[in-house]
C-alpha cells in the first residue's frame, strides 16, 4: 500500500480512533501494509480469558492481509 492509498483508506474513520497493527503473518522483519479496517477489540488483563474485561471498543487495524 502506498502513502496515498493509506491516507485514502483512513479518510472514512474518526480522527480520534486508536490505531493498532495486526499480528505478523510472515517471518520477514518488515511487512507490506495491505489493508485498513475497523475492528472491535476487547482489552483484558488476561490474554487467554475475557472474563476480566477492562475495555472494549472499535479501533483501526492495519494488516498485512487483505
PDB file of N, CA and C in Angstrom:
ATOM      1  N   UNK A   1       0.852  -1.169   0.000  1.00  0.00           N
ATOM      2  CA  UNK A   1       0.000   0.000   0.000  1.00  0.00           C
ATOM      3  C   UNK A   1       0.899   1.234   0.000  1.00  0.00           C
ATOM      4  N   UNK A   2       0.564   2.183  -0.820  1.00  0.00           N
ATOM      5  CA  UNK A   2       1.335   3.427  -0.872  1.00  0.00           C
ATOM      6  C   UNK A   2       0.814   4.414   0.172  1.00  0.00           C
ATOM      7  N   UNK A   3       1.554   5.469   0.402  1.00  0.00           N
ATOM      8  CA  UNK A   3       1.136   6.511   1.346  1.00  0.00           C
ATOM      9  C   UNK A   3      -0.195   7.118   0.893  1.00  0.00           C
ATOM     10  N   UNK A   4      -0.319   7.367  -0.397  1.00  0.00           N
ATOM     11  CA  UNK A   4      -1.549   7.942  -0.948  1.00  0.00           C
ATOM     12  C   UNK A   4      -2.736   7.008  -0.695  1.00  0.00           C
ATOM     13  N   UNK A   5      -2.540   5.705  -0.901  1.00  0.00           N
ATOM     14  CA  UNK A   5      -3.597   4.724  -0.660  1.00  0.00           C
ATOM     15  C   UNK A   5      -3.952   4.646   0.822  1.00  0.00           C
ATOM     16  N   UNK A   6      -2.942   4.739   1.694  1.00  0.00           N
ATOM     17  CA  UNK A   6      -3.182   4.698   3.137  1.00  0.00           C
ATOM     18  C   UNK A   6      -4.005   5.898   3.588  1.00  0.00           C
ATOM     19  N   UNK A   7      -3.655   7.072   3.131  1.00  0.00           N
ATOM     20  CA  UNK A   7      -4.404   8.281   3.508  1.00  0.00           C
ATOM     21  C   UNK A   7      -5.859   8.160   3.056  1.00  0.00           C
ATOM     22  N   UNK A   8      -6.070   7.668   1.839  1.00  0.00           N
ATOM     23  CA  UNK A   8      -7.433   7.495   1.324  1.00  0.00           C
ATOM     24  C   UNK A   8      -8.196   6.448   2.146  1.00  0.00           C
ATOM     25  N   UNK A   9      -7.523   5.355   2.524  1.00  0.00           N
ATOM     26  CA  UNK A   9      -8.167   4.289   3.303  1.00  0.00           C
ATOM     27  C   UNK A   9      -8.559   4.764   4.700  1.00  0.00           C
ATOM     28  N   UNK A  10      -7.819   5.728   5.252  1.00  0.00           N
ATOM     29  CA  UNK A  10      -8.104   6.229   6.601  1.00  0.00           C
ATOM     30  C   UNK A  10      -9.169   7.326   6.637  1.00  0.00           C
ATOM     31  N   UNK A  11      -9.489   7.919   5.487  1.00  0.00           N
ATOM     32  CA  UNK A  11     -10.440   9.036   5.427  1.00  0.00           C
ATOM     33  C   UNK A  11     -11.789   8.774   6.092  1.00  0.00           C
ATOM     34  N   UNK A  12     -12.401   7.600   5.907  1.00  0.00           N
ATOM     35  CA  UNK A  12     -13.742   7.400   6.474  1.00  0.00           C
ATOM     36  C   UNK A  12     -13.781   7.308   8.006  1.00  0.00           C
ATOM     37  N   UNK A  13     -12.646   7.112   8.636  1.00  0.00           N
ATOM     38  CA  UNK A  13     -12.611   6.879  10.073  1.00  0.00           C
ATOM     39  C   UNK A  13     -12.474   8.177  10.869  1.00  0.00           C
ATOM     40  N   UNK A  14     -13.030   8.150  12.078  1.00  0.00           N
ATOM     41  CA  UNK A  14     -12.949   9.277  13.006  1.00  0.00           C
ATOM     42  C   UNK A  14     -11.481   9.572  13.323  1.00  0.00           C
ATOM     43  N   UNK A  15     -11.128  10.846  13.362  1.00  0.00           N
ATOM     44  CA  UNK A  15      -9.744  11.261  13.629  1.00  0.00           C
ATOM     45  C   UNK A  15      -9.243  10.842  15.005  1.00  0.00           C
ATOM     46  N   UNK A  16     -10.140  10.555  15.934  1.00  0.00           N
ATOM     47  CA  UNK A  16      -9.732  10.215  17.300  1.00  0.00           C
ATOM     48  C   UNK A  16      -9.686   8.713  17.575  1.00  0.00           C
ATOM     49  N   UNK A  17      -9.869   7.890  16.541  1.00  0.00           N
ATOM     50  CA  UNK A  17      -9.815   6.438  16.740  1.00  0.00           C
ATOM     51  C   UNK A  17      -8.375   5.994  16.972  1.00  0.00           C
ATOM     52  N   UNK A  18      -8.204   5.012  17.856  1.00  0.00           N
ATOM     53  CA  UNK A  18      -6.886   4.427  18.081  1.00  0.00           C
ATOM     54  C   UNK A  18      -6.519   3.545  16.896  1.00  0.00           C
ATOM     55  N   UNK A  19      -5.215   3.446  16.619  1.00  0.00           N
ATOM     56  CA  UNK A  19      -4.722   2.635  15.505  1.00  0.00           C
ATOM     57  C   UNK A  19      -3.846   1.519  16.054  1.00  0.00           C
ATOM     58  N   UNK A  20      -4.124   0.287  15.617  1.00  0.00           N
ATOM     59  CA  UNK A  20      -3.361  -0.879  16.041  1.00  0.00           C
ATOM     60  C   UNK A  20      -2.762  -1.559  14.816  1.00  0.00           C
ATOM     61  N   UNK A  21      -1.677  -2.273  15.020  1.00  0.00           N
ATOM     62  CA  UNK A  21      -1.060  -3.076  13.979  1.00  0.00           C
ATOM     63  C   UNK A  21      -1.380  -4.533  14.281  1.00  0.00           C
ATOM     64  N   UNK A  22      -1.943  -5.223  13.301  1.00  0.00           N
ATOM     65  CA  UNK A  22      -2.347  -6.618  13.448  1.00  0.00           C
ATOM     66  C   UNK A  22      -1.127  -7.523  13.642  1.00  0.00           C
ATOM     67  N   UNK A  23      -1.366  -8.752  14.058  1.00  0.00           N
ATOM     68  CA  UNK A  23      -0.289  -9.731  14.234  1.00  0.00           C
ATOM     69  C   UNK A  23       0.422  -9.970  12.913  1.00  0.00           C
ATOM     70  N   UNK A  24       1.724 -10.244  12.990  1.00  0.00           N
ATOM     71  CA  UNK A  24       2.517 -10.544  11.793  1.00  0.00           C
ATOM     72  C   UNK A  24       2.082 -11.880  11.220  1.00  0.00           C
ATOM     73  N   UNK A  25       2.057 -11.959   9.886  1.00  0.00           N
ATOM     74  CA  UNK A  25       1.670 -13.206   9.230  1.00  0.00           C
ATOM     75  C   UNK A  25       2.832 -13.843   8.475  1.00  0.00           C
ATOM     76  N   UNK A  26       3.970 -13.146   8.429  1.00  0.00           N
ATOM     77  CA  UNK A  26       5.151 -13.680   7.741  1.00  0.00           C
ATOM     78  C   UNK A  26       6.339 -13.655   8.690  1.00  0.00           C
ATOM     79  N   UNK A  27       7.423 -14.281   8.275  1.00  0.00           N
ATOM     80  CA  UNK A  27       8.638 -14.309   9.083  1.00  0.00           C
ATOM     81  C   UNK A  27       9.599 -13.176   8.739  1.00  0.00           C
ATOM     82  N   UNK A  28       9.235 -12.322   7.793  1.00  0.00           N
ATOM     83  CA  UNK A  28      10.104 -11.223   7.396  1.00  0.00           C
ATOM     84  C   UNK A  28      10.142 -10.148   8.484  1.00  0.00           C
ATOM     85  N   UNK A  29      11.226  -9.391   8.532  1.00  0.00           N
ATOM     86  CA  UNK A  29      11.369  -8.311   9.506  1.00  0.00           C
ATOM     87  C   UNK A  29      10.332  -7.216   9.259  1.00  0.00           C
ATOM     88  N   UNK A  30      10.094  -6.904   7.997  1.00  0.00           N
ATOM     89  CA  UNK A  30       9.131  -5.867   7.629  1.00  0.00           C
ATOM     90  C   UNK A  30       8.004  -6.493   6.824  1.00  0.00           C
ATOM     91  N   UNK A  31       6.817  -5.949   6.982  1.00  0.00           N
ATOM     92  CA  UNK A  31       5.678  -6.442   6.225  1.00  0.00           C
ATOM     93  C   UNK A  31       5.044  -5.306   5.442  1.00  0.00           C
ATOM     94  N   UNK A  32       4.487  -5.619   4.292  1.00  0.00           N
ATOM     95  CA  UNK A  32       3.821  -4.633   3.452  1.00  0.00           C
ATOM     96  C   UNK A  32       2.371  -4.477   3.904  1.00  0.00           C
ATOM     97  N   UNK A  33       1.960  -3.259   4.156  1.00  0.00           N
ATOM     98  CA  UNK A  33       0.593  -2.980   4.565  1.00  0.00           C
ATOM     99  C   UNK A  33      -0.351  -3.274   3.410  1.00  0.00           C
ATOM    100  N   UNK A  34      -1.377  -4.077   3.668  1.00  0.00           N
ATOM    101  CA  UNK A  34      -2.314  -4.465   2.611  1.00  0.00           C
ATOM    102  C   UNK A  34      -3.748  -4.035   2.896  1.00  0.00           C
ATOM    103  N   UNK A  35      -4.105  -3.848   4.183  1.00  0.00           N
ATOM    104  CA  UNK A  35      -5.491  -3.479   4.462  1.00  0.00           C
ATOM    105  C   UNK A  35      -5.611  -2.600   5.701  1.00  0.00           C
ATOM    106  N   UNK A  36      -6.674  -1.816   5.707  1.00  0.00           N
ATOM    107  CA  UNK A  36      -7.042  -0.950   6.826  1.00  0.00           C
ATOM    108  C   UNK A  36      -8.504  -1.254   7.112  1.00  0.00           C
ATOM    109  N   UNK A  37      -8.797  -1.627   8.369  1.00  0.00           N
ATOM    110  CA  UNK A  37     -10.187  -1.973   8.685  1.00  0.00           C
ATOM    111  C   UNK A  37     -10.546  -1.517  10.099  1.00  0.00           C
ATOM    112  N   UNK A  38     -11.835  -1.337  10.312  1.00  0.00           N
ATOM    113  CA  UNK A  38     -12.332  -1.038  11.652  1.00  0.00           C
ATOM    114  C   UNK A  38     -12.686  -2.366  12.287  1.00  0.00           C
ATOM    115  N   UNK A  39     -12.267  -2.534  13.533  1.00  0.00           N
ATOM    116  CA  UNK A  39     -12.484  -3.821  14.201  1.00  0.00           C
ATOM    117  C   UNK A  39     -12.794  -3.578  15.674  1.00  0.00           C
ATOM    118  N   UNK A  40     -13.672  -4.404  16.221  1.00  0.00           N
ATOM    119  CA  UNK A  40     -13.977  -4.343  17.649  1.00  0.00           C
ATOM    120  C   UNK A  40     -12.903  -5.114  18.401  1.00  0.00           C
ATOM    121  N   UNK A  41     -12.302  -4.475  19.393  1.00  0.00           N
ATOM    122  CA  UNK A  41     -11.222  -5.087  20.164  1.00  0.00           C
ATOM    123  C   UNK A  41     -11.626  -5.127  21.631  1.00  0.00           C
ATOM    124  N   UNK A  42     -11.332  -6.246  22.280  1.00  0.00           N
ATOM    125  CA  UNK A  42     -11.594  -6.392  23.709  1.00  0.00           C
ATOM    126  C   UNK A  42     -10.251  -6.410  24.429  1.00  0.00           C
ATOM    127  N   UNK A  43     -10.105  -5.529  25.385  1.00  0.00           N
ATOM    128  CA  UNK A  43      -8.879  -5.436  26.155  1.00  0.00           C
ATOM    129  C   UNK A  43      -9.105  -6.072  27.517  1.00  0.00           C
ATOM    130  N   UNK A  44      -8.217  -6.991  27.921  1.00  0.00           N
ATOM    131  CA  UNK A  44      -8.332  -7.599  29.240  1.00  0.00           C
ATOM    132  C   UNK A  44      -6.946  -7.840  29.802  1.00  0.00           C
ATOM    133  N   UNK A  45      -6.866  -8.015  31.105  1.00  0.00           N
ATOM    134  CA  UNK A  45      -5.589  -8.281  31.776  1.00  0.00           C
ATOM    135  C   UNK A  45      -5.033  -9.635  31.364  1.00  0.00           C
ATOM    136  N   UNK A  46      -5.911 -10.607  31.222  1.00  0.00           N
ATOM    137  CA  UNK A  46      -5.513 -11.971  30.903  1.00  0.00           C
ATOM    138  C   UNK A  46      -5.804 -12.230  29.432  1.00  0.00           C
ATOM    139  N   UNK A  47      -4.762 -12.421  28.628  1.00  0.00           N
ATOM    140  CA  UNK A  47      -4.961 -12.591  27.186  1.00  0.00           C
ATOM    141  C   UNK A  47      -5.668 -13.894  26.844  1.00  0.00           C
ATOM    142  N   UNK A  48      -5.679 -14.875  27.756  1.00  0.00           N
ATOM    143  CA  UNK A  48      -6.343 -16.150  27.499  1.00  0.00           C
ATOM    144  C   UNK A  48      -7.816 -16.143  27.885  1.00  0.00           C
ATOM    145  N   UNK A  49      -8.235 -15.100  28.561  1.00  0.00           N
ATOM    146  CA  UNK A  49      -9.615 -15.050  29.040  1.00  0.00           C
ATOM    147  C   UNK A  49     -10.144 -13.628  28.947  1.00  0.00           C
ATOM    148  N   UNK A  50     -11.380 -13.497  28.565  1.00  0.00           N
ATOM    149  CA  UNK A  50     -12.000 -12.175  28.527  1.00  0.00           C
ATOM    150  C   UNK A  50     -12.935 -11.987  29.715  1.00  0.00           C
ATOM    151  N   UNK A  51     -12.737 -12.793  30.746  1.00  0.00           N
ATOM    152  CA  UNK A  51     -13.618 -12.697  31.909  1.00  0.00           C
ATOM    153  C   UNK A  51     -13.392 -11.400  32.680  1.00  0.00           C
ATOM    154  N   UNK A  52     -12.168 -10.886  32.655  1.00  0.00           N
ATOM    155  CA  UNK A  52     -11.880  -9.619  33.323  1.00  0.00           C
ATOM    156  C   UNK A  52     -11.764  -8.536  32.268  1.00  0.00           C
ATOM    157  N   UNK A  53     -12.899  -8.046  31.813  1.00  0.00           N
ATOM    158  CA  UNK A  53     -12.950  -7.053  30.762  1.00  0.00           C
ATOM    159  C   UNK A  53     -12.538  -5.691  31.302  1.00  0.00           C
ATOM    160  N   UNK A  54     -11.509  -5.108  30.709  1.00  0.00           N
ATOM    161  CA  UNK A  54     -11.064  -3.772  31.105  1.00  0.00           C
ATOM    162  C   UNK A  54     -11.656  -2.701  30.194  1.00  0.00           C
ATOM    163  N   UNK A  55     -11.692  -2.970  28.911  1.00  0.00           N
ATOM    164  CA  UNK A  55     -12.240  -2.005  27.966  1.00  0.00           C
ATOM    165  C   UNK A  55     -12.596  -2.716  26.671  1.00  0.00           C
ATOM    166  N   UNK A  56     -13.481  -2.093  25.940  1.00  0.00           N
ATOM    167  CA  UNK A  56     -13.915  -2.644  24.666  1.00  0.00           C
ATOM    168  C   UNK A  56     -14.174  -1.473  23.739  1.00  0.00           C
ATOM    169  N   UNK A  57     -13.767  -1.595  22.493  1.00  0.00           N
ATOM    170  CA  UNK A  57     -14.029  -0.502  21.584  1.00  0.00           C
ATOM    171  C   UNK A  57     -13.634  -0.811  20.166  1.00  0.00           C
ATOM    172  N   UNK A  58     -14.080   0.049  19.253  1.00  0.00           N
ATOM    173  CA  UNK A  58     -13.728  -0.104  17.857  1.00  0.00           C
ATOM    174  C   UNK A  58     -12.465   0.701  17.579  1.00  0.00           C
ATOM    175  N   UNK A  59     -11.537   0.074  16.883  1.00  0.00           N
ATOM    176  CA  UNK A  59     -10.254   0.690  16.568  1.00  0.00           C
ATOM    177  C   UNK A  59      -9.951   0.451  15.091  1.00  0.00           C
ATOM    178  N   UNK A  60      -8.950   1.139  14.585  1.00  0.00           N
ATOM    179  CA  UNK A  60      -8.455   0.913  13.235  1.00  0.00           C
ATOM    180  C   UNK A  60      -7.337  -0.111  13.331  1.00  0.00           C
ATOM    181  N   UNK A  61      -7.377  -1.123  12.468  1.00  0.00           N
ATOM    182  CA  UNK A  61      -6.350  -2.157  12.463  1.00  0.00           C
ATOM    183  C   UNK A  61      -5.660  -2.160  11.093  1.00  0.00           C
ATOM    184  N   UNK A  62      -4.342  -2.026  11.116  1.00  0.00           N
ATOM    185  CA  UNK A  62      -3.531  -2.098   9.902  1.00  0.00           C
ATOM    186  C   UNK A  62      -3.003  -3.517   9.795  1.00  0.00           C
ATOM    187  N   UNK A  63      -3.082  -4.104   8.605  1.00  0.00           N
ATOM    188  CA  UNK A  63      -2.738  -5.511   8.477  1.00  0.00           C
ATOM    189  C   UNK A  63      -1.985  -5.812   7.184  1.00  0.00           C
ATOM    190  N   UNK A  64      -1.190  -6.887   7.238  1.00  0.00           N
ATOM    191  CA  UNK A  64      -0.519  -7.400   6.038  1.00  0.00           C
ATOM    192  C   UNK A  64      -1.498  -8.136   5.139  1.00  0.00           C
ATOM    193  N   UNK A  65      -2.553  -8.681   5.720  1.00  0.00           N
ATOM    194  CA  UNK A  65      -3.521  -9.482   4.969  1.00  0.00           C
ATOM    195  C   UNK A  65      -4.579  -8.606   4.322  1.00  0.00           C
ATOM    196  N   UNK A  66      -5.097  -9.070   3.188  1.00  0.00           N
ATOM    197  CA  UNK A  66      -6.178  -8.346   2.505  1.00  0.00           C
ATOM    198  C   UNK A  66      -7.491  -8.601   3.180  1.00  0.00           C
TER     199      UNK A  66
END
